[in-house]
Amino acid sequence: MLVLGIRRKFLHCPSTEREQAMHLYWRVIEELKFIGETWIFNDPSLARNFKHWVKKNADAINMMNRAETCPDSPIFALNGFPHSLN
């Protein structure tokens, strides 16, 4: 089991940096799910921010999940490379 933590100064960074950090957390979590790991958020504010980010980006996440089920689609690749290395 992995515990993902956060420092308090994260809450005071600009929203674009917060968005980028949430995207990074999401990618890490997806990779962990892929290898069968479980994870929890240790900090309630991180869990709240992540939940808000997932709701805000639900359409994009849905497209990414659809790309994994339809890997031959050219929409989800750039110059012949898929969106993920998995």
PDB file of N, CA and C in Angstrom:
ATOM      1  N   MET A   1       0.841  -1.167   0.000  1.00  0.00           N
ATOM      2  CA  MET A   1       0.000   0.000   0.000  1.00  0.00           C
ATOM      3  C   MET A   1       0.891   1.237   0.000  1.00  0.00           C
ATOM      4  N   LEU A   2       0.538   2.214  -0.807  1.00  0.00           N
ATOM      5  CA  LEU A   2       1.287   3.451  -0.878  1.00  0.00           C
ATOM      6  C   LEU A   2       0.511   4.563  -0.204  1.00  0.00           C
ATOM      7  N   VAL A   3       1.201   5.425   0.467  1.00  0.00           N
ATOM      8  CA  VAL A   3       0.585   6.597   1.080  1.00  0.00           C
ATOM      9  C   VAL A   3       1.146   7.820   0.379  1.00  0.00           C
ATOM     10  N   LEU A   4       0.254   8.584  -0.239  1.00  0.00           N
ATOM     11  CA  LEU A   4       0.678   9.786  -0.949  1.00  0.00           C
ATOM     12  C   LEU A   4       0.488  10.982  -0.029  1.00  0.00           C
ATOM     13  N   GLY A   5       1.533  11.726   0.214  1.00  0.00           N
ATOM     14  CA  GLY A   5       1.473  12.866   1.122  1.00  0.00           C
ATOM     15  C   GLY A   5       1.655  14.179   0.388  1.00  0.00           C
ATOM     16  N   ILE A   6       1.514  15.263   1.126  1.00  0.00           N
ATOM     17  CA  ILE A   6       1.611  16.599   0.553  1.00  0.00           C
ATOM     18  C   ILE A   6       2.165  17.547   1.603  1.00  0.00           C
ATOM     19  N   ARG A   7       2.902  18.536   1.170  1.00  0.00           N
ATOM     20  CA  ARG A   7       3.343  19.580   2.084  1.00  0.00           C
ATOM     21  C   ARG A   7       2.323  20.706   2.061  1.00  0.00           C
ATOM     22  N   ARG A   8       2.205  21.414   3.155  1.00  0.00           N
ATOM     23  CA  ARG A   8       1.206  22.475   3.279  1.00  0.00           C
ATOM     24  C   ARG A   8       1.404  23.602   2.273  1.00  0.00           C
ATOM     25  N   LYS A   9       2.633  23.901   1.881  1.00  0.00           N
ATOM     26  CA  LYS A   9       2.845  25.013   0.956  1.00  0.00           C
ATOM     27  C   LYS A   9       2.218  24.744  -0.410  1.00  0.00           C
ATOM     28  N   PHE A  10       1.896  23.490  -0.699  1.00  0.00           N
ATOM     29  CA  PHE A  10       1.234  23.141  -1.957  1.00  0.00           C
ATOM     30  C   PHE A  10      -0.088  23.886  -2.096  1.00  0.00           C
ATOM     31  N   LEU A  11      -0.794  24.069  -0.993  1.00  0.00           N
ATOM     32  CA  LEU A  11      -2.109  24.706  -1.038  1.00  0.00           C
ATOM     33  C   LEU A  11      -2.026  26.175  -1.423  1.00  0.00           C
ATOM     34  N   HIS A  12      -0.844  26.775  -1.294  1.00  0.00           N
ATOM     35  CA  HIS A  12      -0.698  28.197  -1.579  1.00  0.00           C
ATOM     36  C   HIS A  12      -0.046  28.471  -2.927  1.00  0.00           C
ATOM     37  N   CYS A  13       0.226  27.458  -3.705  1.00  0.00           N
ATOM     38  CA  CYS A  13       0.843  27.685  -5.008  1.00  0.00           C
ATOM     39  C   CYS A  13      -0.235  28.085  -6.021  1.00  0.00           C
ATOM     40  N   PRO A  14       0.164  28.730  -7.125  1.00  0.00           N
ATOM     41  CA  PRO A  14      -0.808  29.155  -8.140  1.00  0.00           C
ATOM     42  C   PRO A  14      -1.601  27.976  -8.692  1.00  0.00           C
ATOM     43  N   SER A  15      -2.792  28.271  -9.173  1.00  0.00           N
ATOM     44  CA  SER A  15      -3.697  27.204  -9.616  1.00  0.00           C
ATOM     45  C   SER A  15      -3.124  26.396 -10.777  1.00  0.00           C
ATOM     46  N   THR A  16      -2.339  27.006 -11.663  1.00  0.00           N
ATOM     47  CA  THR A  16      -1.775  26.226 -12.772  1.00  0.00           C
ATOM     48  C   THR A  16      -0.789  25.183 -12.257  1.00  0.00           C
ATOM     49  N   GLU A  17       0.000  25.554 -11.258  1.00  0.00           N
ATOM     50  CA  GLU A  17       0.919  24.574 -10.679  1.00  0.00           C
ATOM     51  C   GLU A  17       0.152  23.473  -9.962  1.00  0.00           C
ATOM     52  N   ARG A  18      -0.932  23.846  -9.304  1.00  0.00           N
ATOM     53  CA  ARG A  18      -1.759  22.861  -8.618  1.00  0.00           C
ATOM     54  C   ARG A  18      -2.382  21.900  -9.630  1.00  0.00           C
ATOM     55  N   GLU A  19      -2.854  22.438 -10.753  1.00  0.00           N
ATOM     56  CA  GLU A  19      -3.430  21.596 -11.810  1.00  0.00           C
ATOM     57  C   GLU A  19      -2.387  20.620 -12.351  1.00  0.00           C
ATOM     58  N   GLN A  20      -1.189  21.101 -12.577  1.00  0.00           N
ATOM     59  CA  GLN A  20      -0.128  20.232 -13.081  1.00  0.00           C
ATOM     60  C   GLN A  20       0.225  19.153 -12.070  1.00  0.00           C
ATOM     61  N   ALA A  21       0.246  19.526 -10.795  1.00  0.00           N
ATOM     62  CA  ALA A  21       0.554  18.541  -9.753  1.00  0.00           C
ATOM     63  C   ALA A  21      -0.541  17.485  -9.671  1.00  0.00           C
ATOM     64  N   MET A  22      -1.805  17.897  -9.778  1.00  0.00           N
ATOM     65  CA  MET A  22      -2.909  16.935  -9.721  1.00  0.00           C
ATOM     66  C   MET A  22      -2.844  15.997 -10.917  1.00  0.00           C
ATOM     67  N   HIS A  23      -2.478  16.528 -12.089  1.00  0.00           N
ATOM     68  CA  HIS A  23      -2.337  15.673 -13.260  1.00  0.00           C
ATOM     69  C   HIS A  23      -1.225  14.652 -13.038  1.00  0.00           C
ATOM     70  N   LEU A  24      -0.126  15.094 -12.443  1.00  0.00           N
ATOM     71  CA  LEU A  24       0.969  14.178 -12.143  1.00  0.00           C
ATOM     72  C   LEU A  24       0.519  13.097 -11.155  1.00  0.00           C
ATOM     73  N   TYR A  25      -0.199  13.495 -10.099  1.00  0.00           N
ATOM     74  CA  TYR A  25      -0.720  12.509  -9.150  1.00  0.00           C
ATOM     75  C   TYR A  25      -1.627  11.511  -9.866  1.00  0.00           C
ATOM     76  N   TRP A  26      -2.485  12.011 -10.762  1.00  0.00           N
ATOM     77  CA  TRP A  26      -3.404  11.127 -11.475  1.00  0.00           C
ATOM     78  C   TRP A  26      -2.628  10.117 -12.320  1.00  0.00           C
ATOM     79  N   ARG A  27      -1.589  10.579 -13.028  1.00  0.00           N
ATOM     80  CA  ARG A  27      -0.792   9.666 -13.854  1.00  0.00           C
ATOM     81  C   ARG A  27      -0.099   8.613 -12.997  1.00  0.00           C
ATOM     82  N   VAL A  28       0.454   9.035 -11.858  1.00  0.00           N
ATOM     83  CA  VAL A  28       1.118   8.082 -10.964  1.00  0.00           C
ATOM     84  C   VAL A  28       0.119   7.054 -10.453  1.00  0.00           C
ATOM     85  N   ILE A  29      -1.055   7.516 -10.059  1.00  0.00           N
ATOM     86  CA  ILE A  29      -2.083   6.606  -9.547  1.00  0.00           C
ATOM     87  C   ILE A  29      -2.516   5.624 -10.629  1.00  0.00           C
ATOM     88  N   GLU A  30      -2.670   6.103 -11.860  1.00  0.00           N
ATOM     89  CA  GLU A  30      -3.039   5.208 -12.956  1.00  0.00           C
ATOM     90  C   GLU A  30      -1.959   4.152 -13.190  1.00  0.00           C
ATOM     91  N   GLU A  31      -0.706   4.554 -13.129  1.00  0.00           N
ATOM     92  CA  GLU A  31       0.384   3.591 -13.294  1.00  0.00           C
ATOM     93  C   GLU A  31       0.388   2.580 -12.153  1.00  0.00           C
ATOM     94  N   LEU A  32       0.124   3.043 -10.925  1.00  0.00           N
ATOM     95  CA  LEU A  32       0.066   2.128  -9.785  1.00  0.00           C
ATOM     96  C   LEU A  32      -1.086   1.138  -9.936  1.00  0.00           C
ATOM     97  N   LYS A  33      -2.231   1.619 -10.414  1.00  0.00           N
ATOM     98  CA  LYS A  33      -3.362   0.712 -10.653  1.00  0.00           C
ATOM     99  C   LYS A  33      -2.986  -0.342 -11.687  1.00  0.00           C
ATOM    100  N   PHE A  34      -2.243   0.083 -12.703  1.00  0.00           N
ATOM    101  CA  PHE A  34      -1.859  -0.820 -13.782  1.00  0.00           C
ATOM    102  C   PHE A  34      -1.016  -1.981 -13.265  1.00  0.00           C
ATOM    103  N   ILE A  35      -0.155  -1.724 -12.271  1.00  0.00           N
ATOM    104  CA  ILE A  35       0.680  -2.797 -11.725  1.00  0.00           C
ATOM    105  C   ILE A  35       0.056  -3.451 -10.497  1.00  0.00           C
ATOM    106  N   GLY A  36      -1.200  -3.087 -10.186  1.00  0.00           N
ATOM    107  CA  GLY A  36      -1.926  -3.759  -9.121  1.00  0.00           C
ATOM    108  C   GLY A  36      -1.679  -3.240  -7.720  1.00  0.00           C
ATOM    109  N   GLU A  37      -1.127  -2.039  -7.592  1.00  0.00           N
ATOM    110  CA  GLU A  37      -0.876  -1.465  -6.271  1.00  0.00           C
ATOM    111  C   GLU A  37      -2.122  -0.753  -5.752  1.00  0.00           C
ATOM    112  N   THR A  38      -2.235  -0.683  -4.437  1.00  0.00           N
ATOM    113  CA  THR A  38      -3.291   0.114  -3.818  1.00  0.00           C
ATOM    114  C   THR A  38      -2.665   1.386  -3.275  1.00  0.00           C
ATOM    115  N   TRP A  39      -3.469   2.418  -3.087  1.00  0.00           N
ATOM    116  CA  TRP A  39      -2.945   3.698  -2.645  1.00  0.00           C
ATOM    117  C   TRP A  39      -3.983   4.406  -1.793  1.00  0.00           C
ATOM    118  N   ILE A  40      -3.517   5.296  -0.933  1.00  0.00           N
ATOM    119  CA  ILE A  40      -4.412   6.151  -0.148  1.00  0.00           C
ATOM    120  C   ILE A  40      -3.783   7.537  -0.062  1.00  0.00           C
ATOM    121  N   PHE A  41      -4.625   8.538   0.122  1.00  0.00           N
ATOM    122  CA  PHE A  41      -4.145   9.890   0.384  1.00  0.00           C
ATOM    123  C   PHE A  41      -4.084  10.075   1.886  1.00  0.00           C
ATOM    124  N   ASN A  42      -2.968  10.532   2.383  1.00  0.00           N
ATOM    125  CA  ASN A  42      -2.774  10.734   3.809  1.00  0.00           C
ATOM    126  C   ASN A  42      -3.325  12.084   4.264  1.00  0.00           C
ATOM    127  N   ASP A  43      -3.292  13.064   3.402  1.00  0.00           N
ATOM    128  CA  ASP A  43      -3.709  14.424   3.736  1.00  0.00           C
ATOM    129  C   ASP A  43      -5.123  14.677   3.206  1.00  0.00           C
ATOM    130  N   PRO A  44      -6.071  15.086   4.070  1.00  0.00           N
ATOM    131  CA  PRO A  44      -7.445  15.328   3.613  1.00  0.00           C
ATOM    132  C   PRO A  44      -7.544  16.425   2.554  1.00  0.00           C
ATOM    133  N   SER A  45      -6.690  17.444   2.633  1.00  0.00           N
ATOM    134  CA  SER A  45      -6.758  18.515   1.636  1.00  0.00           C
ATOM    135  C   SER A  45      -6.312  18.014   0.262  1.00  0.00           C
ATOM    136  N   LEU A  46      -5.349  17.123   0.234  1.00  0.00           N
ATOM    137  CA  LEU A  46      -4.925  16.530  -1.035  1.00  0.00           C
ATOM    138  C   LEU A  46      -6.046  15.680  -1.621  1.00  0.00           C
ATOM    139  N   ALA A  47      -6.699  14.893  -0.788  1.00  0.00           N
ATOM    140  CA  ALA A  47      -7.814  14.068  -1.263  1.00  0.00           C
ATOM    141  C   ALA A  47      -8.931  14.945  -1.817  1.00  0.00           C
ATOM    142  N   ARG A  48      -9.228  16.047  -1.131  1.00  0.00           N
ATOM    143  CA  ARG A  48     -10.286  16.963  -1.581  1.00  0.00           C
ATOM    144  C   ARG A  48      -9.904  17.614  -2.903  1.00  0.00           C
ATOM    145  N   ASN A  49      -8.664  18.103  -3.007  1.00  0.00           N
ATOM    146  CA  ASN A  49      -8.214  18.731  -4.255  1.00  0.00           C
ATOM    147  C   ASN A  49      -8.186  17.736  -5.403  1.00  0.00           C
ATOM    148  N   PHE A  50      -7.771  16.505  -5.131  1.00  0.00           N
ATOM    149  CA  PHE A  50      -7.730  15.486  -6.180  1.00  0.00           C
ATOM    150  C   PHE A  50      -9.142  15.145  -6.657  1.00  0.00           C
ATOM    151  N   LYS A  51     -10.072  15.014  -5.715  1.00  0.00           N
ATOM    152  CA  LYS A  51     -11.462  14.719  -6.080  1.00  0.00           C
ATOM    153  C   LYS A  51     -12.039  15.846  -6.937  1.00  0.00           C
ATOM    154  N   HIS A  52     -11.761  17.087  -6.561  1.00  0.00           N
ATOM    155  CA  HIS A  52     -12.229  18.236  -7.341  1.00  0.00           C
ATOM    156  C   HIS A  52     -11.609  18.217  -8.741  1.00  0.00           C
ATOM    157  N   TRP A  53     -10.315  17.916  -8.837  1.00  0.00           N
ATOM    158  CA  TRP A  53      -9.636  17.877 -10.127  1.00  0.00           C
ATOM    159  C   TRP A  53     -10.223  16.784 -11.021  1.00  0.00           C
ATOM    160  N   VAL A  54     -10.497  15.611 -10.428  1.00  0.00           N
ATOM    161  CA  VAL A  54     -11.062  14.508 -11.213  1.00  0.00           C
ATOM    162  C   VAL A  54     -12.438  14.889 -11.744  1.00  0.00           C
ATOM    163  N   LYS A  55     -13.272  15.520 -10.917  1.00  0.00           N
ATOM    164  CA  LYS A  55     -14.596  15.951 -11.386  1.00  0.00           C
ATOM    165  C   LYS A  55     -14.470  16.981 -12.503  1.00  0.00           C
ATOM    166  N   LYS A  56     -13.540  17.913 -12.341  1.00  0.00           N
ATOM    167  CA  LYS A  56     -13.355  18.972 -13.334  1.00  0.00           C
ATOM    168  C   LYS A  56     -12.871  18.410 -14.670  1.00  0.00           C
ATOM    169  N   ASN A  57     -12.054  17.380 -14.630  1.00  0.00           N
ATOM    170  CA  ASN A  57     -11.448  16.812 -15.839  1.00  0.00           C
ATOM    171  C   ASN A  57     -12.034  15.460 -16.221  1.00  0.00           C
ATOM    172  N   ALA A  58     -13.255  15.199 -15.811  1.00  0.00           N
ATOM    173  CA  ALA A  58     -13.874  13.893 -16.055  1.00  0.00           C
ATOM    174  C   ALA A  58     -13.960  13.564 -17.548  1.00  0.00           C
ATOM    175  N   ASP A  59     -14.268  14.549 -18.378  1.00  0.00           N
ATOM    176  CA  ASP A  59     -14.374  14.283 -19.820  1.00  0.00           C
ATOM    177  C   ASP A  59     -13.027  13.869 -20.417  1.00  0.00           C
ATOM    178  N   ALA A  60     -11.966  14.557 -20.035  1.00  0.00           N
ATOM    179  CA  ALA A  60     -10.636  14.209 -20.547  1.00  0.00           C
ATOM    180  C   ALA A  60     -10.193  12.840 -20.038  1.00  0.00           C
ATOM    181  N   ILE A  61     -10.502  12.548 -18.778  1.00  0.00           N
ATOM    182  CA  ILE A  61     -10.151  11.237 -18.221  1.00  0.00           C
ATOM    183  C   ILE A  61     -10.906  10.142 -18.958  1.00  0.00           C
ATOM    184  N   ASN A  62     -12.158  10.405 -19.279  1.00  0.00           N
ATOM    185  CA  ASN A  62     -12.954   9.438 -20.032  1.00  0.00           C
ATOM    186  C   ASN A  62     -12.338   9.183 -21.405  1.00  0.00           C
ATOM    187  N   MET A  63     -11.853  10.242 -22.057  1.00  0.00           N
ATOM    188  CA  MET A  63     -11.201  10.062 -23.358  1.00  0.00           C
ATOM    189  C   MET A  63      -9.936   9.221 -23.227  1.00  0.00           C
ATOM    190  N   MET A  64      -9.170   9.438 -22.158  1.00  0.00           N
ATOM    191  CA  MET A  64      -7.950   8.654 -21.947  1.00  0.00           C
ATOM    192  C   MET A  64      -8.293   7.185 -21.725  1.00  0.00           C
ATOM    193  N   ASN A  65      -9.333   6.925 -20.951  1.00  0.00           N
ATOM    194  CA  ASN A  65      -9.742   5.540 -20.713  1.00  0.00           C
ATOM    195  C   ASN A  65     -10.242   4.896 -21.990  1.00  0.00           C
ATOM    196  N   ARG A  66     -10.930   5.666 -22.822  1.00  0.00           N
ATOM    197  CA  ARG A  66     -11.411   5.150 -24.095  1.00  0.00           C
ATOM    198  C   ARG A  66     -10.234   4.842 -25.016  1.00  0.00           C
ATOM    199  N   ALA A  67      -9.192   5.647 -24.939  1.00  0.00           N
ATOM    200  CA  ALA A  67      -8.003   5.415 -25.770  1.00  0.00           C
ATOM    201  C   ALA A  67      -7.337   4.101 -25.412  1.00  0.00           C
ATOM    202  N   GLU A  68      -7.387   3.732 -24.143  1.00  0.00           N
ATOM    203  CA  GLU A  68      -6.782   2.465 -23.733  1.00  0.00           C
ATOM    204  C   GLU A  68      -7.569   1.275 -24.251  1.00  0.00           C
ATOM    205  N   THR A  69      -8.880   1.432 -24.431  1.00  0.00           N
ATOM    206  CA  THR A  69      -9.685   0.331 -24.949  1.00  0.00           C
ATOM    207  C   THR A  69      -9.678   0.295 -26.474  1.00  0.00           C
ATOM    208  N   CYS A  70      -9.350   1.411 -27.125  1.00  0.00           N
ATOM    209  CA  CYS A  70      -9.262   1.490 -28.586  1.00  0.00           C
ATOM    210  C   CYS A  70      -7.877   2.003 -28.976  1.00  0.00           C
ATOM    211  N   PRO A  71      -6.829   1.217 -28.772  1.00  0.00           N
ATOM    212  CA  PRO A  71      -5.468   1.730 -28.991  1.00  0.00           C
ATOM    213  C   PRO A  71      -5.134   2.041 -30.443  1.00  0.00           C
ATOM    214  N   ASP A  72      -5.916   1.545 -31.391  1.00  0.00           N
ATOM    215  CA  ASP A  72      -5.600   1.779 -32.794  1.00  0.00           C
ATOM    216  C   ASP A  72      -6.108   3.121 -33.304  1.00  0.00           C
ATOM    217  N   SER A  73      -6.827   3.847 -32.468  1.00  0.00           N
ATOM    218  CA  SER A  73      -7.379   5.123 -32.891  1.00  0.00           C
ATOM    219  C   SER A  73      -6.270   6.158 -33.056  1.00  0.00           C
ATOM    220  N   PRO A  74      -6.197   6.828 -34.216  1.00  0.00           N
ATOM    221  CA  PRO A  74      -5.146   7.838 -34.412  1.00  0.00           C
ATOM    222  C   PRO A  74      -5.364   9.097 -33.580  1.00  0.00           C
ATOM    223  N   ILE A  75      -6.561   9.269 -33.035  1.00  0.00           N
ATOM    224  CA  ILE A  75      -6.857  10.459 -32.240  1.00  0.00           C
ATOM    225  C   ILE A  75      -5.993  10.506 -30.989  1.00  0.00           C
ATOM    226  N   PHE A  76      -5.692   9.359 -30.427  1.00  0.00           N
ATOM    227  CA  PHE A  76      -5.013   9.304 -29.143  1.00  0.00           C
ATOM    228  C   PHE A  76      -3.515   9.070 -29.265  1.00  0.00           C
ATOM    229  N   ALA A  77      -2.945   9.424 -30.401  1.00  0.00           N
ATOM    230  CA  ALA A  77      -1.504   9.265 -30.586  1.00  0.00           C
ATOM    231  C   ALA A  77      -0.952  10.525 -31.237  1.00  0.00           C
ATOM    232  N   LEU A  78       0.309  10.779 -31.004  1.00  0.00           N
ATOM    233  CA  LEU A  78       0.977  11.913 -31.623  1.00  0.00           C
ATOM    234  C   LEU A  78       2.232  11.395 -32.304  1.00  0.00           C
ATOM    235  N   ASN A  79       2.304  11.584 -33.602  1.00  0.00           N
ATOM    236  CA  ASN A  79       3.442  11.098 -34.393  1.00  0.00           C
ATOM    237  C   ASN A  79       3.658   9.603 -34.214  1.00  0.00           C
ATOM    238  N   GLY A  80       2.575   8.865 -34.056  1.00  0.00           N
ATOM    239  CA  GLY A  80       2.673   7.424 -33.936  1.00  0.00           C
ATOM    240  C   GLY A  80       2.954   6.906 -32.544  1.00  0.00           C
ATOM    241  N   PHE A  81       3.103   7.798 -31.572  1.00  0.00           N
ATOM    242  CA  PHE A  81       3.369   7.378 -30.199  1.00  0.00           C
ATOM    243  C   PHE A  81       2.098   7.493 -29.369  1.00  0.00           C
ATOM    244  N   PRO A  82       1.773   6.468 -28.578  1.00  0.00           N
ATOM    245  CA  PRO A  82       0.582   6.536 -27.731  1.00  0.00           C
ATOM    246  C   PRO A  82       0.778   7.530 -26.593  1.00  0.00           C
ATOM    247  N   HIS A  83      -0.322   7.862 -25.913  1.00  0.00           N
ATOM    248  CA  HIS A  83      -0.279   8.850 -24.834  1.00  0.00           C
ATOM    249  C   HIS A  83       0.470   8.353 -23.610  1.00  0.00           C
ATOM    250  N   SER A  84       0.643   7.051 -23.459  1.00  0.00           N
ATOM    251  CA  SER A  84       1.316   6.491 -22.296  1.00  0.00           C
ATOM    252  C   SER A  84       2.281   5.412 -22.760  1.00  0.00           C
ATOM    253  N   LEU A  85       3.248   5.107 -21.932  1.00  0.00           N
ATOM    254  CA  LEU A  85       4.216   4.075 -22.292  1.00  0.00           C
ATOM    255  C   LEU A  85       3.739   2.683 -21.923  1.00  0.00           C
ATOM    256  N   ASN A  86       2.569   2.558 -21.309  1.00  0.00           N
ATOM    257  CA  ASN A  86       2.045   1.239 -20.917  1.00  0.00           C
ATOM    258  C   ASN A  86       1.612   0.458 -22.120  1.00  0.00           C
TER     259      ASN A  86
END
